[in-house]
């Protein structure tokens, strides 16, 4: 009986894993400069439902993100980051929002 219970538990765990949501890991570029930029970028990304984590490197400008693709998309996250003043590889921040960034957060913008 004990073996049967262990097998039942094992099968249940495997079944749950089969129905788990799709977690996606990706990398993309975000323009910014400093630790303050990192805080704002990370907060914006995490405010999007489905984002598990975002880690941004201010030197390389590369962000690593993990998110639930059933709840959001990389496009949605990049739009949110652009909405707080930071250009991404796909979306440009509104000029008014960019101009309101702290002086140390103003990066060289590509045209």
N, C-alpha and C. Protein backbone atom coordinates (compact mmCIF):
# COMPACT_ATOMS: atom_id res chain seq x y z
N UNK A 1 0.81 -1.19 0.00
CA UNK A 1 0.00 0.00 0.00
C UNK A 1 0.87 1.27 0.00
N UNK A 2 1.96 1.21 0.73
CA UNK A 2 2.85 2.37 0.80
C UNK A 2 3.46 2.65 -0.58
N UNK A 3 3.84 1.60 -1.30
CA UNK A 3 4.40 1.78 -2.64
C UNK A 3 3.36 2.41 -3.57
N UNK A 4 2.12 1.97 -3.43
CA UNK A 4 1.05 2.52 -4.26
C UNK A 4 0.89 4.02 -4.00
N UNK A 5 0.94 4.42 -2.74
CA UNK A 5 0.81 5.84 -2.39
C UNK A 5 1.98 6.65 -2.96
N UNK A 6 3.18 6.11 -2.88
CA UNK A 6 4.35 6.80 -3.43
C UNK A 6 4.23 6.95 -4.94
N UNK A 7 3.78 5.91 -5.60
CA UNK A 7 3.60 5.97 -7.05
C UNK A 7 2.52 7.00 -7.40
N UNK A 8 1.45 7.01 -6.64
CA UNK A 8 0.37 7.97 -6.87
C UNK A 8 0.86 9.41 -6.70
N UNK A 9 1.65 9.66 -5.69
CA UNK A 9 2.21 10.99 -5.46
C UNK A 9 3.13 11.37 -6.61
N UNK A 10 3.98 10.46 -7.03
CA UNK A 10 4.92 10.71 -8.12
C UNK A 10 4.18 11.04 -9.41
N UNK A 11 3.16 10.26 -9.73
CA UNK A 11 2.37 10.50 -10.94
C UNK A 11 1.66 11.84 -10.86
N UNK A 12 1.17 12.20 -9.69
CA UNK A 12 0.50 13.49 -9.51
C UNK A 12 1.45 14.65 -9.77
N UNK A 13 2.66 14.53 -9.27
CA UNK A 13 3.66 15.59 -9.47
C UNK A 13 3.99 15.73 -10.94
N UNK A 14 4.18 14.62 -11.62
CA UNK A 14 4.49 14.66 -13.05
C UNK A 14 3.32 15.27 -13.82
N UNK A 15 2.11 14.92 -13.46
CA UNK A 15 0.93 15.47 -14.13
C UNK A 15 0.83 16.98 -13.94
N UNK A 16 1.11 17.45 -12.75
CA UNK A 16 1.07 18.89 -12.50
C UNK A 16 2.11 19.62 -13.33
N UNK A 17 3.28 19.02 -13.46
CA UNK A 17 4.35 19.63 -14.25
C UNK A 17 3.95 19.73 -15.71
N UNK A 18 3.22 18.76 -16.21
CA UNK A 18 2.78 18.77 -17.60
C UNK A 18 1.83 19.93 -17.88
N UNK A 19 1.08 20.37 -16.87
CA UNK A 19 0.14 21.46 -17.03
C UNK A 19 0.68 22.80 -16.55
N UNK A 20 1.96 22.84 -16.22
CA UNK A 20 2.53 24.09 -15.72
C UNK A 20 2.59 25.13 -16.84
N UNK A 21 2.59 26.39 -16.44
CA UNK A 21 2.61 27.48 -17.40
C UNK A 21 3.98 27.58 -18.06
N UNK A 22 3.98 28.19 -19.22
CA UNK A 22 5.20 28.32 -20.00
C UNK A 22 6.03 29.50 -19.49
N UNK A 23 7.18 29.21 -18.93
CA UNK A 23 8.11 30.23 -18.47
C UNK A 23 9.14 30.46 -19.58
N UNK A 24 9.32 31.71 -19.95
CA UNK A 24 10.20 32.05 -21.05
C UNK A 24 11.34 32.92 -20.52
N UNK A 25 12.56 32.61 -20.95
CA UNK A 25 13.73 33.43 -20.63
C UNK A 25 14.22 34.08 -21.92
N UNK A 26 14.45 35.39 -21.85
CA UNK A 26 14.94 36.11 -23.03
C UNK A 26 15.90 37.21 -22.59
N UNK A 27 16.59 37.78 -23.59
CA UNK A 27 17.49 38.91 -23.37
C UNK A 27 17.11 40.00 -24.36
N UNK A 28 17.24 41.25 -23.91
CA UNK A 28 17.01 42.38 -24.81
C UNK A 28 17.72 43.61 -24.27
N UNK A 29 17.87 44.61 -25.13
CA UNK A 29 18.63 45.81 -24.79
C UNK A 29 17.71 46.90 -24.24
N UNK A 30 18.18 47.53 -23.16
CA UNK A 30 17.51 48.69 -22.57
C UNK A 30 18.57 49.77 -22.36
N UNK A 31 18.29 50.97 -22.83
CA UNK A 31 19.25 52.06 -22.67
C UNK A 31 19.03 52.76 -21.33
N UNK A 32 20.13 53.02 -20.63
CA UNK A 32 20.11 53.66 -19.33
C UNK A 32 21.55 53.75 -18.85
N UNK A 33 21.75 54.24 -17.63
CA UNK A 33 23.12 54.49 -17.17
C UNK A 33 23.49 53.92 -15.80
N UNK A 34 22.59 53.99 -14.84
CA UNK A 34 23.03 53.86 -13.45
C UNK A 34 22.11 52.98 -12.61
N UNK A 35 22.42 52.94 -11.33
CA UNK A 35 21.63 52.17 -10.38
C UNK A 35 20.20 52.68 -10.25
N UNK A 36 20.03 54.00 -10.36
CA UNK A 36 18.68 54.56 -10.30
C UNK A 36 17.87 54.08 -11.51
N UNK A 37 18.52 54.05 -12.68
CA UNK A 37 17.86 53.52 -13.88
C UNK A 37 17.44 52.08 -13.64
N UNK A 38 18.35 51.31 -13.06
CA UNK A 38 18.08 49.89 -12.80
C UNK A 38 16.84 49.73 -11.92
N UNK A 39 16.73 50.54 -10.89
CA UNK A 39 15.56 50.46 -9.99
C UNK A 39 14.26 50.76 -10.73
N UNK A 40 14.27 51.82 -11.53
CA UNK A 40 13.05 52.22 -12.25
C UNK A 40 12.69 51.16 -13.30
N UNK A 41 13.68 50.69 -14.04
CA UNK A 41 13.46 49.67 -15.08
C UNK A 41 12.92 48.39 -14.45
N UNK A 42 13.55 47.94 -13.37
CA UNK A 42 13.12 46.70 -12.72
C UNK A 42 11.71 46.84 -12.16
N UNK A 43 11.43 47.97 -11.53
CA UNK A 43 10.09 48.19 -10.96
C UNK A 43 9.03 48.19 -12.07
N UNK A 44 9.33 48.84 -13.18
CA UNK A 44 8.38 48.89 -14.30
C UNK A 44 8.12 47.48 -14.84
N UNK A 45 9.19 46.72 -15.03
CA UNK A 45 9.04 45.36 -15.57
C UNK A 45 8.23 44.48 -14.62
N UNK A 46 8.54 44.56 -13.34
CA UNK A 46 7.85 43.71 -12.36
C UNK A 46 6.39 44.11 -12.16
N UNK A 47 6.03 45.31 -12.59
CA UNK A 47 4.63 45.72 -12.48
C UNK A 47 3.75 45.05 -13.54
N UNK A 48 4.39 44.44 -14.53
CA UNK A 48 3.65 43.72 -15.57
C UNK A 48 3.32 42.33 -15.05
N UNK A 49 2.04 42.00 -15.03
CA UNK A 49 1.59 40.69 -14.55
C UNK A 49 2.23 39.59 -15.38
N UNK A 50 2.89 38.66 -14.72
CA UNK A 50 3.53 37.54 -15.40
C UNK A 50 5.05 37.61 -15.41
N UNK A 51 5.61 38.78 -15.09
CA UNK A 51 7.07 38.90 -15.04
C UNK A 51 7.56 38.29 -13.74
N UNK A 52 8.49 37.36 -13.86
CA UNK A 52 9.05 36.68 -12.70
C UNK A 52 10.28 37.42 -12.21
N UNK A 53 11.17 37.76 -13.12
CA UNK A 53 12.31 38.60 -12.76
C UNK A 53 12.85 39.31 -13.99
N UNK A 54 13.56 40.40 -13.74
CA UNK A 54 14.31 41.11 -14.76
C UNK A 54 15.60 41.57 -14.11
N UNK A 55 16.71 41.26 -14.74
CA UNK A 55 18.02 41.71 -14.27
C UNK A 55 18.66 42.48 -15.42
N UNK A 56 19.05 43.74 -15.14
CA UNK A 56 19.60 44.61 -16.17
C UNK A 56 21.04 44.96 -15.82
N UNK A 57 21.93 44.88 -16.80
CA UNK A 57 23.34 45.23 -16.63
C UNK A 57 23.56 46.61 -17.24
N UNK A 58 23.92 47.59 -16.41
CA UNK A 58 24.07 48.96 -16.89
C UNK A 58 25.26 49.14 -17.84
N UNK A 59 26.24 48.26 -17.76
CA UNK A 59 27.40 48.37 -18.65
C UNK A 59 27.10 47.82 -20.04
N UNK A 60 26.50 46.65 -20.09
CA UNK A 60 26.21 46.03 -21.38
C UNK A 60 24.87 46.48 -21.95
N UNK A 61 24.02 47.05 -21.08
CA UNK A 61 22.65 47.48 -21.43
C UNK A 61 21.73 46.29 -21.75
N UNK A 62 22.15 45.09 -21.39
CA UNK A 62 21.37 43.89 -21.67
C UNK A 62 20.56 43.48 -20.44
N UNK A 63 19.29 43.21 -20.66
CA UNK A 63 18.40 42.73 -19.60
C UNK A 63 18.11 41.26 -19.84
N UNK A 64 18.09 40.51 -18.76
CA UNK A 64 17.67 39.11 -18.79
C UNK A 64 16.33 39.07 -18.08
N UNK A 65 15.36 38.45 -18.72
CA UNK A 65 14.02 38.42 -18.17
C UNK A 65 13.47 37.00 -18.19
N UNK A 66 12.65 36.71 -17.20
CA UNK A 66 11.89 35.46 -17.17
C UNK A 66 10.44 35.85 -16.90
N UNK A 67 9.55 35.33 -17.74
CA UNK A 67 8.14 35.67 -17.59
C UNK A 67 7.24 34.51 -18.01
N UNK A 68 6.00 34.61 -17.60
CA UNK A 68 4.98 33.62 -17.93
C UNK A 68 4.33 34.07 -19.24
N UNK A 69 4.57 33.31 -20.30
CA UNK A 69 4.06 33.71 -21.62
C UNK A 69 2.55 33.58 -21.75
N UNK A 70 1.90 32.93 -20.78
CA UNK A 70 0.44 32.88 -20.78
C UNK A 70 -0.17 34.18 -20.27
N UNK A 71 0.64 34.99 -19.56
CA UNK A 71 0.14 36.23 -18.97
C UNK A 71 0.64 37.49 -19.67
N UNK A 72 1.82 37.43 -20.28
CA UNK A 72 2.38 38.63 -20.90
C UNK A 72 3.30 38.24 -22.04
N UNK A 73 3.88 39.26 -22.66
CA UNK A 73 4.81 39.04 -23.77
C UNK A 73 6.00 39.97 -23.60
N UNK A 74 7.06 39.69 -24.32
CA UNK A 74 8.23 40.56 -24.27
C UNK A 74 7.87 41.96 -24.79
N UNK A 75 7.01 42.03 -25.78
CA UNK A 75 6.55 43.33 -26.28
C UNK A 75 5.90 44.16 -25.18
N UNK A 76 5.03 43.55 -24.41
CA UNK A 76 4.33 44.27 -23.33
C UNK A 76 5.32 44.80 -22.30
N UNK A 77 6.32 44.01 -21.97
CA UNK A 77 7.33 44.44 -20.99
C UNK A 77 8.14 45.60 -21.56
N UNK A 78 8.56 45.49 -22.81
CA UNK A 78 9.33 46.57 -23.42
C UNK A 78 8.51 47.86 -23.52
N UNK A 79 7.24 47.75 -23.83
CA UNK A 79 6.37 48.94 -23.87
C UNK A 79 6.30 49.60 -22.50
N UNK A 80 6.18 48.79 -21.46
CA UNK A 80 6.10 49.33 -20.09
C UNK A 80 7.39 50.05 -19.72
N UNK A 81 8.53 49.47 -20.07
CA UNK A 81 9.82 50.09 -19.77
C UNK A 81 9.97 51.40 -20.54
N UNK A 82 9.57 51.42 -21.80
CA UNK A 82 9.61 52.65 -22.59
C UNK A 82 8.69 53.71 -22.00
N UNK A 83 7.59 53.29 -21.40
CA UNK A 83 6.63 54.25 -20.84
C UNK A 83 7.18 55.00 -19.63
N UNK A 84 8.25 54.48 -19.02
CA UNK A 84 8.86 55.17 -17.87
C UNK A 84 10.14 55.91 -18.26
N UNK A 85 10.43 55.97 -19.58
CA UNK A 85 11.53 56.82 -20.05
C UNK A 85 12.74 56.13 -20.63
N UNK A 86 12.73 54.83 -20.73
CA UNK A 86 13.92 54.11 -21.19
C UNK A 86 13.67 53.42 -22.53
N UNK A 87 14.48 53.79 -23.53
CA UNK A 87 14.37 53.15 -24.84
C UNK A 87 14.79 51.70 -24.73
N UNK A 88 14.10 50.85 -25.47
CA UNK A 88 14.49 49.44 -25.58
C UNK A 88 14.87 49.21 -27.04
N UNK A 89 15.29 47.99 -27.33
CA UNK A 89 15.67 47.71 -28.71
C UNK A 89 14.47 47.81 -29.67
N UNK A 90 13.27 47.77 -29.14
CA UNK A 90 12.07 47.77 -29.99
C UNK A 90 11.20 49.01 -29.84
N UNK A 91 11.22 49.66 -28.68
CA UNK A 91 10.34 50.80 -28.41
C UNK A 91 11.13 51.99 -27.90
N UNK A 92 10.78 53.18 -28.39
CA UNK A 92 11.42 54.41 -27.95
C UNK A 92 10.52 55.11 -26.94
N UNK A 93 11.12 55.60 -25.87
CA UNK A 93 10.37 56.33 -24.85
C UNK A 93 9.90 57.67 -25.41
N UNK A 94 8.77 58.12 -24.93
CA UNK A 94 8.25 59.44 -25.29
C UNK A 94 9.28 60.49 -24.87
N UNK A 95 9.50 61.49 -25.74
CA UNK A 95 10.50 62.53 -25.45
C UNK A 95 10.22 63.26 -24.15
N UNK A 96 8.96 63.54 -23.85
CA UNK A 96 8.63 64.26 -22.61
C UNK A 96 9.00 63.43 -21.38
N UNK A 97 8.75 62.14 -21.45
CA UNK A 97 9.07 61.25 -20.32
C UNK A 97 10.59 61.15 -20.18
N UNK A 98 11.29 60.97 -21.30
CA UNK A 98 12.75 60.91 -21.27
C UNK A 98 13.33 62.19 -20.68
N UNK A 99 12.82 63.34 -21.10
CA UNK A 99 13.34 64.63 -20.62
C UNK A 99 13.12 64.84 -19.13
N UNK A 100 12.17 64.13 -18.54
CA UNK A 100 11.92 64.24 -17.10
C UNK A 100 12.76 63.28 -16.26
N UNK A 101 13.58 62.46 -16.91
CA UNK A 101 14.47 61.57 -16.16
C UNK A 101 15.50 62.40 -15.40
N UNK A 102 15.99 61.87 -14.30
CA UNK A 102 17.07 62.50 -13.55
C UNK A 102 18.26 62.68 -14.49
N UNK A 103 19.05 63.74 -14.28
CA UNK A 103 20.14 64.04 -15.21
C UNK A 103 21.12 62.87 -15.39
N UNK A 104 21.36 62.10 -14.34
CA UNK A 104 22.32 61.00 -14.47
C UNK A 104 21.73 59.82 -15.26
N UNK A 105 20.43 59.82 -15.43
CA UNK A 105 19.76 58.72 -16.14
C UNK A 105 19.60 58.99 -17.63
N UNK A 106 19.94 60.20 -18.06
CA UNK A 106 19.79 60.53 -19.48
C UNK A 106 20.95 59.93 -20.27
N UNK A 107 20.61 59.03 -21.13
CA UNK A 107 21.56 58.28 -21.95
C UNK A 107 21.58 58.89 -23.35
N UNK A 108 22.60 58.55 -24.12
CA UNK A 108 22.65 58.99 -25.52
C UNK A 108 21.60 58.23 -26.29
N UNK A 109 20.70 58.96 -26.89
CA UNK A 109 19.60 58.33 -27.63
C UNK A 109 19.99 58.14 -29.09
N UNK A 110 19.59 56.99 -29.62
CA UNK A 110 19.78 56.73 -31.04
C UNK A 110 18.59 57.32 -31.78
N UNK A 111 18.82 57.82 -32.96
CA UNK A 111 17.73 58.45 -33.73
C UNK A 111 16.83 57.45 -34.34
